[in-house]
Amino acid sequence: MSLEGPLFGIMYTFSAALLYPVVIVLMLSVLASLILIGEFLSEYAKRHRDIRKLEDDCKELGKTVKNLEFPEAAKALREIRQNFMVTSFSRDAAPFIEQRYFSAIEKLAAEYEIGMSKQLEKTKILATISPMLGLMGTLIPLGPALIGLSQGDIATLANNLMIAFATTVVGLFAGSVGYVLTQVRRRWYWEDLSDIDYILNVLEENFKVVSGNSTGNGNWQINEQVLFRVADEKMKDEMKAEMMEETNEKKQTLPADRAPGGPGRSEPVDGSC
């Protein structure tokens, strides 16, 4: 007894049974591609990248960190307005900079990178799976179509060929959408990661300037010499301001008909003496 007949029959039955699941998944792929197009357009409308403004914001951020003004540094981070990912990262990193917890900021940047990879996975899967499903939807109806052709059943042949061509077109459409969105978003996220790395580099450089050694929990201990230097500079500025105020007060208290004496200038003599 030959096993070819039952074996091929099982394979044909199995492949024919996959037709409806393939068609359903293809329709879901088309629906997902339309949703992703909407998300893409929404994300595109929110994108705003200004390199010069980012450089100015980072200069201000570095200056505040170097002067040990960590609340002001957190405020500078919150005021960064770039693309959504960069703005969101800056806002989430602000509390950590107030705590001088640089390791947490690095971890936050890694989490954002993982989130970007997850966003790309959706369109990558769509771009890869949809053409495969379209090919399956093309090949499965060809069996019944050939059987109908051999029996002279033109209606069966036409119906199965219509299903085959339709699934091909639908699969290629969903795959094309996924491919285009993947390529464009990949470039967007490279830009966002570049901006986030730039912010991290600015923070790291200025933390190293004002920091001593790092403790085990990642908090940076400020060098005492730096503290004394900053305090001394502030004290000098305050003393200069006080001296200027005293000089202005003395000038205002002098009589209007008297001028302060100085080198090479004699005091006015009262004519009554």
C-alpha atoms as a PDB file:
ATOM      1  CA  MET A   1       0.000   0.000   0.000  1.00  0.00           C
ATOM      2  CA  SER A   2       1.486   3.337  -1.044  1.00  0.00           C
ATOM      3  CA  LEU A   3       1.701   6.126   1.503  1.00  0.00           C
ATOM      4  CA  GLU A   4       1.968   8.883  -1.085  1.00  0.00           C
ATOM      5  CA  GLY A   5      -1.767   9.308  -1.469  1.00  0.00           C
ATOM      6  CA  PRO A   6      -2.632   9.687   2.251  1.00  0.00           C
ATOM      7  CA  LEU A   7       0.509  11.743   2.931  1.00  0.00           C
ATOM      8  CA  PHE A   8      -0.139  14.213   0.139  1.00  0.00           C
ATOM      9  CA  GLY A   9      -3.777  14.329   1.130  1.00  0.00           C
ATOM     10  CA  ILE A  10      -2.834  15.329   4.679  1.00  0.00           C
ATOM     11  CA  MET A  11      -0.465  18.008   3.381  1.00  0.00           C
ATOM     12  CA  TYR A  12      -3.114  19.380   1.038  1.00  0.00           C
ATOM     13  CA  THR A  13      -5.719  19.416   3.788  1.00  0.00           C
ATOM     14  CA  PHE A  14      -3.326  21.162   6.172  1.00  0.00           C
ATOM     15  CA  SER A  15      -2.334  23.814   3.627  1.00  0.00           C
ATOM     16  CA  ALA A  16      -5.958  24.410   2.662  1.00  0.00           C
ATOM     17  CA  ALA A  17      -6.867  24.806   6.341  1.00  0.00           C
ATOM     18  CA  LEU A  18      -4.274  27.585   6.651  1.00  0.00           C
ATOM     19  CA  LEU A  19      -5.975  29.761   4.051  1.00  0.00           C
ATOM     20  CA  TYR A  20      -8.500  31.401   6.366  1.00  0.00           C
ATOM     21  CA  PRO A  21      -6.035  32.052   9.217  1.00  0.00           C
ATOM     22  CA  VAL A  22      -3.617  33.577   6.706  1.00  0.00           C
ATOM     23  CA  VAL A  23      -6.316  35.825   5.266  1.00  0.00           C
ATOM     24  CA  ILE A  24      -7.406  36.913   8.759  1.00  0.00           C
ATOM     25  CA  VAL A  25      -3.844  37.727   9.820  1.00  0.00           C
ATOM     26  CA  LEU A  26      -3.315  39.634   6.582  1.00  0.00           C
ATOM     27  CA  MET A  27      -6.371  41.768   7.259  1.00  0.00           C
ATOM     28  CA  LEU A  28      -5.089  42.426  10.772  1.00  0.00           C
ATOM     29  CA  SER A  29      -1.737  43.392   9.264  1.00  0.00           C
ATOM     30  CA  VAL A  30      -3.427  45.924   7.019  1.00  0.00           C
ATOM     31  CA  LEU A  31      -5.315  47.329  10.002  1.00  0.00           C
ATOM     32  CA  ALA A  32      -2.088  47.514  12.006  1.00  0.00           C
ATOM     33  CA  SER A  33      -0.324  49.266   9.136  1.00  0.00           C
ATOM     34  CA  LEU A  34      -3.049  51.915   8.991  1.00  0.00           C
ATOM     35  CA  ILE A  35      -2.776  52.471  12.749  1.00  0.00           C
ATOM     36  CA  LEU A  36       1.002  52.748  12.472  1.00  0.00           C
ATOM     37  CA  ILE A  37       0.634  55.296   9.686  1.00  0.00           C
ATOM     38  CA  GLY A  38      -1.527  57.395  12.010  1.00  0.00           C
ATOM     39  CA  GLU A  39       1.034  57.123  14.812  1.00  0.00           C
ATOM     40  CA  PHE A  40       3.790  58.008  12.375  1.00  0.00           C
ATOM     41  CA  LEU A  41       2.022  61.159  11.194  1.00  0.00           C
ATOM     42  CA  SER A  42       1.295  62.180  14.781  1.00  0.00           C
ATOM     43  CA  GLU A  43       4.936  61.671  15.753  1.00  0.00           C
ATOM     44  CA  TYR A  44       6.096  63.587  12.686  1.00  0.00           C
ATOM     45  CA  ALA A  45       3.904  66.551  13.625  1.00  0.00           C
ATOM     46  CA  LYS A  46       5.476  66.665  17.109  1.00  0.00           C
ATOM     47  CA  ARG A  47       9.081  66.479  15.982  1.00  0.00           C
ATOM     48  CA  HIS A  48      11.059  69.666  16.446  1.00  0.00           C
ATOM     49  CA  ARG A  49      14.847  69.503  16.420  1.00  0.00           C
ATOM     50  CA  ASP A  50      16.912  72.658  16.864  1.00  0.00           C
ATOM     51  CA  ILE A  51      20.621  71.903  17.174  1.00  0.00           C
ATOM     52  CA  ARG A  52      21.648  75.455  18.065  1.00  0.00           C
ATOM     53  CA  LYS A  53      19.082  75.714  20.825  1.00  0.00           C
ATOM     54  CA  LEU A  54      20.180  72.340  22.174  1.00  0.00           C
ATOM     55  CA  GLU A  55      23.787  73.534  22.259  1.00  0.00           C
ATOM     56  CA  ASP A  56      22.782  76.713  24.094  1.00  0.00           C
ATOM     57  CA  ASP A  57      20.696  74.736  26.580  1.00  0.00           C
ATOM     58  CA  CYS A  58      23.560  72.319  27.192  1.00  0.00           C
ATOM     59  CA  LYS A  59      25.996  75.196  27.734  1.00  0.00           C
ATOM     60  CA  GLU A  60      23.672  76.633  30.348  1.00  0.00           C
ATOM     61  CA  LEU A  61      23.261  73.175  31.863  1.00  0.00           C
ATOM     62  CA  GLY A  62      27.013  72.647  32.073  1.00  0.00           C
ATOM     63  CA  LYS A  63      27.511  76.075  33.628  1.00  0.00           C
ATOM     64  CA  THR A  64      24.962  75.424  36.376  1.00  0.00           C
ATOM     65  CA  VAL A  65      26.441  72.013  37.178  1.00  0.00           C
ATOM     66  CA  LYS A  66      29.956  73.457  37.305  1.00  0.00           C
ATOM     67  CA  ASN A  67      28.753  76.146  39.731  1.00  0.00           C
ATOM     68  CA  LEU A  68      27.080  73.498  41.919  1.00  0.00           C
ATOM     69  CA  GLU A  69      23.643  74.960  41.229  1.00  0.00           C
ATOM     70  CA  PHE A  70      21.877  71.624  40.915  1.00  0.00           C
ATOM     71  CA  PRO A  71      18.293  72.940  41.265  1.00  0.00           C
ATOM     72  CA  GLU A  72      19.043  75.364  38.434  1.00  0.00           C
ATOM     73  CA  ALA A  73      20.544  72.494  36.426  1.00  0.00           C
ATOM     74  CA  ALA A  74      17.359  70.488  36.904  1.00  0.00           C
ATOM     75  CA  LYS A  75      15.357  73.501  35.780  1.00  0.00           C
ATOM     76  CA  ALA A  76      17.564  73.831  32.689  1.00  0.00           C
ATOM     77  CA  LEU A  77      16.927  70.174  31.872  1.00  0.00           C
ATOM     78  CA  ARG A  78      13.173  70.609  32.190  1.00  0.00           C
ATOM     79  CA  GLU A  79      13.276  73.596  29.846  1.00  0.00           C
ATOM     80  CA  ILE A  80      14.880  71.648  26.977  1.00  0.00           C
ATOM     81  CA  ARG A  81      12.421  71.548  24.084  1.00  0.00           C
ATOM     82  CA  GLN A  82      13.427  69.169  21.311  1.00  0.00           C
ATOM     83  CA  ASN A  83      11.902  66.013  19.873  1.00  0.00           C
ATOM     84  CA  PHE A  84       9.534  64.077  22.097  1.00  0.00           C
ATOM     85  CA  MET A  85      12.070  61.463  23.200  1.00  0.00           C
ATOM     86  CA  VAL A  86      14.742  64.046  24.053  1.00  0.00           C
ATOM     87  CA  THR A  87      12.300  66.307  25.892  1.00  0.00           C
ATOM     88  CA  SER A  88      10.864  63.380  27.826  1.00  0.00           C
ATOM     89  CA  PHE A  89      14.346  62.146  28.750  1.00  0.00           C
ATOM     90  CA  SER A  90      15.383  65.592  29.982  1.00  0.00           C
ATOM     91  CA  ARG A  91      12.256  65.908  32.090  1.00  0.00           C
ATOM     92  CA  ASP A  92      12.727  62.449  33.624  1.00  0.00           C
ATOM     93  CA  ALA A  93      16.436  63.057  34.289  1.00  0.00           C
ATOM     94  CA  ALA A  94      15.868  66.342  36.151  1.00  0.00           C
ATOM     95  CA  PRO A  95      15.085  64.761  39.570  1.00  0.00           C
ATOM     96  CA  PHE A  96      18.240  62.638  39.398  1.00  0.00           C
ATOM     97  CA  ILE A  97      20.504  65.604  38.760  1.00  0.00           C
ATOM     98  CA  GLU A  98      19.126  67.296  41.865  1.00  0.00           C
ATOM     99  CA  GLN A  99      20.265  64.216  43.779  1.00  0.00           C
ATOM    100  CA  ARG A 100      23.607  64.143  41.890  1.00  0.00           C
ATOM    101  CA  TYR A 101      22.756  60.575  40.882  1.00  0.00           C
ATOM    102  CA  PHE A 102      24.506  60.300  37.531  1.00  0.00           C
ATOM    103  CA  SER A 103      24.322  56.499  37.335  1.00  0.00           C
ATOM    104  CA  ALA A 104      20.534  56.712  37.338  1.00  0.00           C
ATOM    105  CA  ILE A 105      20.667  59.159  34.425  1.00  0.00           C
ATOM    106  CA  GLU A 106      22.792  56.710  32.431  1.00  0.00           C
ATOM    107  CA  LYS A 107      20.331  53.922  33.244  1.00  0.00           C
ATOM    108  CA  LEU A 108      17.471  56.151  32.144  1.00  0.00           C
ATOM    109  CA  ALA A 109      19.197  56.757  28.803  1.00  0.00           C
ATOM    110  CA  ALA A 110      19.584  52.997  28.330  1.00  0.00           C
ATOM    111  CA  GLU A 111      15.874  52.503  29.047  1.00  0.00           C
ATOM    112  CA  TYR A 112      14.978  55.090  26.425  1.00  0.00           C
ATOM    113  CA  GLU A 113      17.171  53.278  23.916  1.00  0.00           C
ATOM    114  CA  ILE A 114      15.342  50.033  24.689  1.00  0.00           C
ATOM    115  CA  GLY A 115      12.020  51.819  24.235  1.00  0.00           C
ATOM    116  CA  MET A 116      13.094  53.066  20.815  1.00  0.00           C
ATOM    117  CA  SER A 117      14.079  49.524  19.834  1.00  0.00           C
ATOM    118  CA  LYS A 118      10.629  48.300  20.866  1.00  0.00           C
ATOM    119  CA  GLN A 119       9.011  50.922  18.671  1.00  0.00           C
ATOM    120  CA  LEU A 120      11.096  49.780  15.716  1.00  0.00           C
ATOM    121  CA  GLU A 121      10.267  46.123  16.350  1.00  0.00           C
ATOM    122  CA  LYS A 122       6.606  46.691  15.491  1.00  0.00           C
ATOM    123  CA  THR A 123       7.282  47.950  12.001  1.00  0.00           C
ATOM    124  CA  LYS A 124      10.145  45.489  11.469  1.00  0.00           C
ATOM    125  CA  ILE A 125       7.854  42.548  12.209  1.00  0.00           C
ATOM    126  CA  LEU A 126       5.159  44.002   9.967  1.00  0.00           C
ATOM    127  CA  ALA A 127       7.632  44.503   7.121  1.00  0.00           C
ATOM    128  CA  THR A 128       8.949  40.937   7.458  1.00  0.00           C
ATOM    129  CA  ILE A 129       5.803  38.905   8.120  1.00  0.00           C
ATOM    130  CA  SER A 130       3.346  40.552   5.727  1.00  0.00           C
ATOM    131  CA  PRO A 131       5.060  39.509   2.449  1.00  0.00           C
ATOM    132  CA  MET A 132       5.424  35.963   3.802  1.00  0.00           C
ATOM    133  CA  LEU A 133       1.735  35.796   4.579  1.00  0.00           C
ATOM    134  CA  GLY A 134       0.967  37.248   1.169  1.00  0.00           C
ATOM    135  CA  LEU A 135       3.030  34.511  -0.464  1.00  0.00           C
ATOM    136  CA  MET A 136       1.235  31.843   1.560  1.00  0.00           C
ATOM    137  CA  GLY A 137      -2.099  33.336   0.571  1.00  0.00           C
ATOM    138  CA  THR A 138      -0.983  33.189  -3.046  1.00  0.00           C
ATOM    139  CA  LEU A 139       0.212  29.585  -3.092  1.00  0.00           C
ATOM    140  CA  ILE A 140      -2.584  27.964  -1.081  1.00  0.00           C
ATOM    141  CA  PRO A 141      -5.424  28.726  -3.562  1.00  0.00           C
ATOM    142  CA  LEU A 142      -3.334  27.599  -6.528  1.00  0.00           C
ATOM    143  CA  GLY A 143      -4.024  23.939  -5.692  1.00  0.00           C
ATOM    144  CA  PRO A 144      -7.821  24.215  -5.979  1.00  0.00           C
ATOM    145  CA  ALA A 145      -7.355  26.496  -8.989  1.00  0.00           C
ATOM    146  CA  LEU A 146      -5.332  23.856 -10.847  1.00  0.00           C
ATOM    147  CA  ILE A 147      -7.853  21.191  -9.927  1.00  0.00           C
ATOM    148  CA  GLY A 148     -10.632  23.364 -11.302  1.00  0.00           C
ATOM    149  CA  LEU A 149      -8.613  23.957 -14.460  1.00  0.00           C
ATOM    150  CA  SER A 150      -8.125  20.213 -14.963  1.00  0.00           C
ATOM    151  CA  GLN A 151     -11.855  19.632 -14.551  1.00  0.00           C
ATOM    152  CA  GLY A 152     -12.816  22.519 -16.776  1.00  0.00           C
ATOM    153  CA  ASP A 153     -14.359  24.461 -13.875  1.00  0.00           C
ATOM    154  CA  ILE A 154     -13.524  28.014 -14.887  1.00  0.00           C
ATOM    155  CA  ALA A 155     -15.498  29.543 -12.001  1.00  0.00           C
ATOM    156  CA  THR A 156     -13.419  27.696  -9.382  1.00  0.00           C
ATOM    157  CA  LEU A 157     -10.237  28.657 -11.207  1.00  0.00           C
ATOM    158  CA  ALA A 158     -11.215  32.334 -11.329  1.00  0.00           C
ATOM    159  CA  ASN A 159     -12.260  32.490  -7.671  1.00  0.00           C
ATOM    160  CA  ASN A 160      -9.053  30.920  -6.396  1.00  0.00           C
ATOM    161  CA  LEU A 161      -6.863  33.085  -8.611  1.00  0.00           C
ATOM    162  CA  MET A 162      -8.692  36.154  -7.336  1.00  0.00           C
ATOM    163  CA  ILE A 163      -7.939  35.122  -3.748  1.00  0.00           C
ATOM    164  CA  ALA A 164      -4.297  34.476  -4.636  1.00  0.00           C
ATOM    165  CA  PHE A 165      -3.791  37.869  -6.267  1.00  0.00           C
ATOM    166  CA  ALA A 166      -5.657  39.730  -3.517  1.00  0.00           C
ATOM    167  CA  THR A 167      -3.569  38.225  -0.727  1.00  0.00           C
ATOM    168  CA  THR A 168      -0.399  39.068  -2.635  1.00  0.00           C
ATOM    169  CA  VAL A 169      -1.371  42.709  -2.995  1.00  0.00           C
ATOM    170  CA  VAL A 170      -2.477  43.006   0.633  1.00  0.00           C
ATOM    171  CA  GLY A 171       0.716  41.417   1.931  1.00  0.00           C
ATOM    172  CA  LEU A 172       2.933  43.643  -0.197  1.00  0.00           C
ATOM    173  CA  PHE A 173       1.030  46.742   0.906  1.00  0.00           C
ATOM    174  CA  ALA A 174       1.409  45.980   4.612  1.00  0.00           C
ATOM    175  CA  GLY A 175       5.060  45.013   4.153  1.00  0.00           C
ATOM    176  CA  SER A 176       5.839  48.196   2.228  1.00  0.00           C
ATOM    177  CA  VAL A 177       4.287  50.347   4.940  1.00  0.00           C
ATOM    178  CA  GLY A 178       6.279  48.557   7.616  1.00  0.00           C
ATOM    179  CA  TYR A 179       9.529  48.899   5.677  1.00  0.00           C
ATOM    180  CA  VAL A 180       9.148  52.628   5.008  1.00  0.00           C
ATOM    181  CA  LEU A 181       8.162  53.411   8.594  1.00  0.00           C
ATOM    182  CA  THR A 182      11.089  51.370   9.902  1.00  0.00           C
ATOM    183  CA  GLN A 183      13.634  53.223   7.791  1.00  0.00           C
ATOM    184  CA  VAL A 184      12.337  56.694   8.637  1.00  0.00           C
ATOM    185  CA  ARG A 185      11.912  55.987  12.345  1.00  0.00           C
ATOM    186  CA  ARG A 186      15.374  54.479  12.532  1.00  0.00           C
ATOM    187  CA  ARG A 187      16.835  57.760  11.317  1.00  0.00           C
ATOM    188  CA  TRP A 188      14.661  59.712  13.771  1.00  0.00           C
ATOM    189  CA  TYR A 189      15.742  57.607  16.712  1.00  0.00           C
ATOM    190  CA  TRP A 190      19.397  57.896  15.724  1.00  0.00           C
ATOM    191  CA  GLU A 191      18.985  61.657  15.934  1.00  0.00           C
ATOM    192  CA  ASP A 192      17.261  61.379  19.320  1.00  0.00           C
ATOM    193  CA  LEU A 193      19.952  59.067  20.680  1.00  0.00           C
ATOM    194  CA  SER A 194      22.616  61.457  19.422  1.00  0.00           C
ATOM    195  CA  ASP A 195      20.976  64.350  21.293  1.00  0.00           C
ATOM    196  CA  ILE A 196      20.576  62.270  24.460  1.00  0.00           C
ATOM    197  CA  ASP A 197      24.232  61.224  24.281  1.00  0.00           C
ATOM    198  CA  TYR A 198      25.199  64.873  23.892  1.00  0.00           C
ATOM    199  CA  ILE A 199      23.295  65.794  27.060  1.00  0.00           C
ATOM    200  CA  LEU A 200      24.901  62.868  28.891  1.00  0.00           C
ATOM    201  CA  ASN A 201      28.381  63.917  27.775  1.00  0.00           C
ATOM    202  CA  VAL A 202      27.814  67.475  28.993  1.00  0.00           C
ATOM    203  CA  LEU A 203      26.626  66.212  32.373  1.00  0.00           C
ATOM    204  CA  GLU A 204      29.461  63.719  32.686  1.00  0.00           C
ATOM    205  CA  GLU A 205      32.173  66.245  31.830  1.00  0.00           C
ATOM    206  CA  ASN A 206      30.913  68.795  34.324  1.00  0.00           C
ATOM    207  CA  PHE A 207      30.291  66.197  37.006  1.00  0.00           C
ATOM    208  CA  LYS A 208      33.918  65.133  36.684  1.00  0.00           C
ATOM    209  CA  VAL A 209      35.049  68.728  37.076  1.00  0.00           C
ATOM    210  CA  VAL A 210      33.176  69.318  40.321  1.00  0.00           C
ATOM    211  CA  SER A 211      33.225  65.787  41.689  1.00  0.00           C
ATOM    212  CA  GLY A 212      35.610  63.762  43.717  1.00  0.00           C
ATOM    213  CA  ASN A 213      35.261  60.035  43.980  1.00  0.00           C
ATOM    214  CA  SER A 214      31.964  58.232  43.497  1.00  0.00           C
ATOM    215  CA  THR A 215      30.362  56.365  46.347  1.00  0.00           C
ATOM    216  CA  GLY A 216      28.964  52.895  46.053  1.00  0.00           C
ATOM    217  CA  ASN A 217      25.385  54.062  45.499  1.00  0.00           C
ATOM    218  CA  GLY A 218      26.347  56.278  42.577  1.00  0.00           C
ATOM    219  CA  ASN A 219      26.069  59.632  44.364  1.00  0.00           C
ATOM    220  CA  TRP A 220      28.868  62.037  43.537  1.00  0.00           C
ATOM    221  CA  GLN A 221      30.698  63.615  46.484  1.00  0.00           C
ATOM    222  CA  ILE A 222      31.643  67.229  45.830  1.00  0.00           C
ATOM    223  CA  ASN A 223      35.309  68.103  46.299  1.00  0.00           C
ATOM    224  CA  GLU A 224      35.881  70.397  49.294  1.00  0.00           C
ATOM    225  CA  GLN A 225      38.402  72.503  47.377  1.00  0.00           C
ATOM    226  CA  VAL A 226      35.786  73.208  44.753  1.00  0.00           C
ATOM    227  CA  LEU A 227      33.305  74.192  47.436  1.00  0.00           C
ATOM    228  CA  PHE A 228      35.821  76.595  48.995  1.00  0.00           C
ATOM    229  CA  ARG A 229      36.682  78.048  45.597  1.00  0.00           C
ATOM    230  CA  VAL A 230      33.041  78.671  44.720  1.00  0.00           C
ATOM    231  CA  ALA A 231      32.309  80.092  48.172  1.00  0.00           C
ATOM    232  CA  ASP A 232      35.349  82.365  47.927  1.00  0.00           C
ATOM    233  CA  GLU A 233      34.250  83.665  44.537  1.00  0.00           C
ATOM    234  CA  LYS A 234      30.761  84.364  45.842  1.00  0.00           C
ATOM    235  CA  MET A 235      32.204  86.137  48.900  1.00  0.00           C
ATOM    236  CA  LYS A 236      34.388  88.325  46.687  1.00  0.00           C
ATOM    237  CA  ASP A 237      31.405  89.260  44.554  1.00  0.00           C
ATOM    238  CA  GLU A 238      29.393  90.174  47.653  1.00  0.00           C
ATOM    239  CA  MET A 239      32.251  92.293  49.036  1.00  0.00           C
ATOM    240  CA  LYS A 240      32.585  94.143  45.729  1.00  0.00           C
ATOM    241  CA  ALA A 241      28.863  94.843  45.713  1.00  0.00           C
ATOM    242  CA  GLU A 242      28.984  96.158  49.304  1.00  0.00           C
ATOM    243  CA  MET A 243      31.957  98.424  48.512  1.00  0.00           C
ATOM    244  CA  MET A 244      30.143  99.838  45.497  1.00  0.00           C
ATOM    245  CA  GLU A 245      27.076 100.555  47.621  1.00  0.00           C
ATOM    246  CA  GLU A 246      29.176 102.315  50.294  1.00  0.00           C
ATOM    247  CA  THR A 247      30.916 104.450  47.652  1.00  0.00           C
ATOM    248  CA  ASN A 248      27.580 105.473  46.149  1.00  0.00           C
ATOM    249  CA  GLU A 249      26.220 106.375  49.593  1.00  0.00           C
ATOM    250  CA  LYS A 250      29.281 108.558  50.375  1.00  0.00           C
ATOM    251  CA  LYS A 251      28.911 110.399  47.087  1.00  0.00           C
ATOM    252  CA  GLN A 252      25.263 111.075  47.806  1.00  0.00           C
ATOM    253  CA  THR A 253      25.999 112.430  51.334  1.00  0.00           C
ATOM    254  CA  LEU A 254      28.612 115.029  50.165  1.00  0.00           C
ATOM    255  CA  PRO A 255      27.387 118.684  50.072  1.00  0.00           C
ATOM    256  CA  ALA A 256      26.484 119.969  46.676  1.00  0.00           C
ATOM    257  CA  ASP A 257      28.996 122.915  46.877  1.00  0.00           C
ATOM    258  CA  ARG A 258      31.933 120.732  47.903  1.00  0.00           C
ATOM    259  CA  ALA A 259      33.914 118.399  45.734  1.00  0.00           C
ATOM    260  CA  PRO A 260      36.102 115.672  47.103  1.00  0.00           C
ATOM    261  CA  GLY A 261      39.739 116.581  47.295  1.00  0.00           C
ATOM    262  CA  GLY A 262      42.277 114.573  45.450  1.00  0.00           C
ATOM    263  CA  PRO A 263      45.826 114.566  44.179  1.00  0.00           C
ATOM    264  CA  GLY A 264      46.625 117.775  42.361  1.00  0.00           C
ATOM    265  CA  ARG A 265      43.370 119.401  43.460  1.00  0.00           C
ATOM    266  CA  SER A 266      43.168 121.808  46.415  1.00  0.00           C
ATOM    267  CA  GLU A 267      40.217 122.134  48.726  1.00  0.00           C
ATOM    268  CA  PRO A 268      38.100 125.264  48.146  1.00  0.00           C
ATOM    269  CA  VAL A 269      38.883 128.098  50.602  1.00  0.00           C
ATOM    270  CA  ASP A 270      36.101 129.897  52.356  1.00  0.00           C
ATOM    271  CA  GLY A 271      36.316 133.613  51.580  1.00  0.00           C
ATOM    272  CA  SER A 272      35.242 134.639  55.085  1.00  0.00           C
ATOM    273  CA  CYS A 273      38.465 133.362  56.673  1.00  0.00           C
END
